[in-house]
Amino acid sequence: MKAVRRILAVIALLGIALKGVLSFLSWADKQESHDSLWEEEEELEEAF
């Protein structure tokens, strides 16, 4: 019975860790798209 509980606990922890990693990657991807917007605005300001 202890072994089953430990296996379930490990699976739960892996699930939480995977969710955290995917959330971070999603956030990082959004940050990259925002950075490109900032660069475009700076280029437009320099043109004027």
C-alpha atoms as a PDB file:
ATOM      1  CA  MET A   1       0.000   0.000   0.000  1.00  0.00           C
ATOM      2  CA  LYS A   2       2.860   2.391   0.793  1.00  0.00           C
ATOM      3  CA  ALA A   3       4.397   1.726  -2.599  1.00  0.00           C
ATOM      4  CA  VAL A   4       1.157   2.647  -4.384  1.00  0.00           C
ATOM      5  CA  ARG A   5       0.916   5.904  -2.429  1.00  0.00           C
ATOM      6  CA  ARG A   6       4.503   6.791  -3.210  1.00  0.00           C
ATOM      7  CA  ILE A   7       4.048   6.049  -6.901  1.00  0.00           C
ATOM      8  CA  LEU A   8       0.927   8.226  -6.972  1.00  0.00           C
ATOM      9  CA  ALA A   9       2.800  10.992  -5.139  1.00  0.00           C
ATOM     10  CA  VAL A  10       5.643  10.854  -7.666  1.00  0.00           C
ATOM     11  CA  ILE A  11       3.172  10.988 -10.561  1.00  0.00           C
ATOM     12  CA  ALA A  12       1.417  13.979  -8.972  1.00  0.00           C
ATOM     13  CA  LEU A  13       4.728  15.804  -8.454  1.00  0.00           C
ATOM     14  CA  LEU A  14       5.779  15.134 -12.045  1.00  0.00           C
ATOM     15  CA  GLY A  15       2.437  16.476 -13.247  1.00  0.00           C
ATOM     16  CA  ILE A  16       2.831  19.656 -11.208  1.00  0.00           C
ATOM     17  CA  ALA A  17       6.413  20.099 -12.410  1.00  0.00           C
ATOM     18  CA  LEU A  18       5.375  19.616 -16.036  1.00  0.00           C
ATOM     19  CA  LYS A  19       2.568  22.144 -15.644  1.00  0.00           C
ATOM     20  CA  GLY A  20       5.040  24.659 -14.182  1.00  0.00           C
ATOM     21  CA  VAL A  21       7.528  24.162 -17.004  1.00  0.00           C
ATOM     22  CA  LEU A  22       4.841  24.546 -19.654  1.00  0.00           C
ATOM     23  CA  SER A  23       3.552  27.702 -17.968  1.00  0.00           C
ATOM     24  CA  PHE A  24       7.054  29.158 -17.914  1.00  0.00           C
ATOM     25  CA  LEU A  25       7.639  28.328 -21.578  1.00  0.00           C
ATOM     26  CA  SER A  26       4.316  29.930 -22.498  1.00  0.00           C
ATOM     27  CA  TRP A  27       5.263  33.062 -20.527  1.00  0.00           C
ATOM     28  CA  ALA A  28       8.708  33.185 -22.134  1.00  0.00           C
ATOM     29  CA  ASP A  29       7.168  32.911 -25.594  1.00  0.00           C
ATOM     30  CA  LYS A  30       4.826  35.812 -24.845  1.00  0.00           C
ATOM     31  CA  GLN A  31       7.771  37.894 -23.600  1.00  0.00           C
ATOM     32  CA  GLU A  32       9.647  37.319 -26.856  1.00  0.00           C
ATOM     33  CA  SER A  33       6.693  38.585 -28.883  1.00  0.00           C
ATOM     34  CA  HIS A  34       6.463  41.680 -26.657  1.00  0.00           C
ATOM     35  CA  ASP A  35      10.190  42.355 -27.091  1.00  0.00           C
ATOM     36  CA  SER A  36       9.786  42.452 -30.850  1.00  0.00           C
ATOM     37  CA  LEU A  37       6.973  44.999 -30.464  1.00  0.00           C
ATOM     38  CA  TRP A  38       9.241  47.224 -28.355  1.00  0.00           C
ATOM     39  CA  GLU A  39      11.985  47.002 -30.976  1.00  0.00           C
ATOM     40  CA  GLU A  40       9.570  47.995 -33.744  1.00  0.00           C
ATOM     41  CA  GLU A  41       8.394  51.030 -31.755  1.00  0.00           C
ATOM     42  CA  GLU A  42      11.994  52.114 -31.128  1.00  0.00           C
ATOM     43  CA  GLU A  43      12.772  51.822 -34.832  1.00  0.00           C
ATOM     44  CA  LEU A  44       9.750  53.977 -35.680  1.00  0.00           C
ATOM     45  CA  GLU A  45      10.799  56.620 -33.150  1.00  0.00           C
ATOM     46  CA  GLU A  46      14.286  56.690 -34.641  1.00  0.00           C
ATOM     47  CA  ALA A  47      12.838  57.162 -38.127  1.00  0.00           C
ATOM     48  CA  PHE A  48      11.065  60.342 -37.045  1.00  0.00           C
END
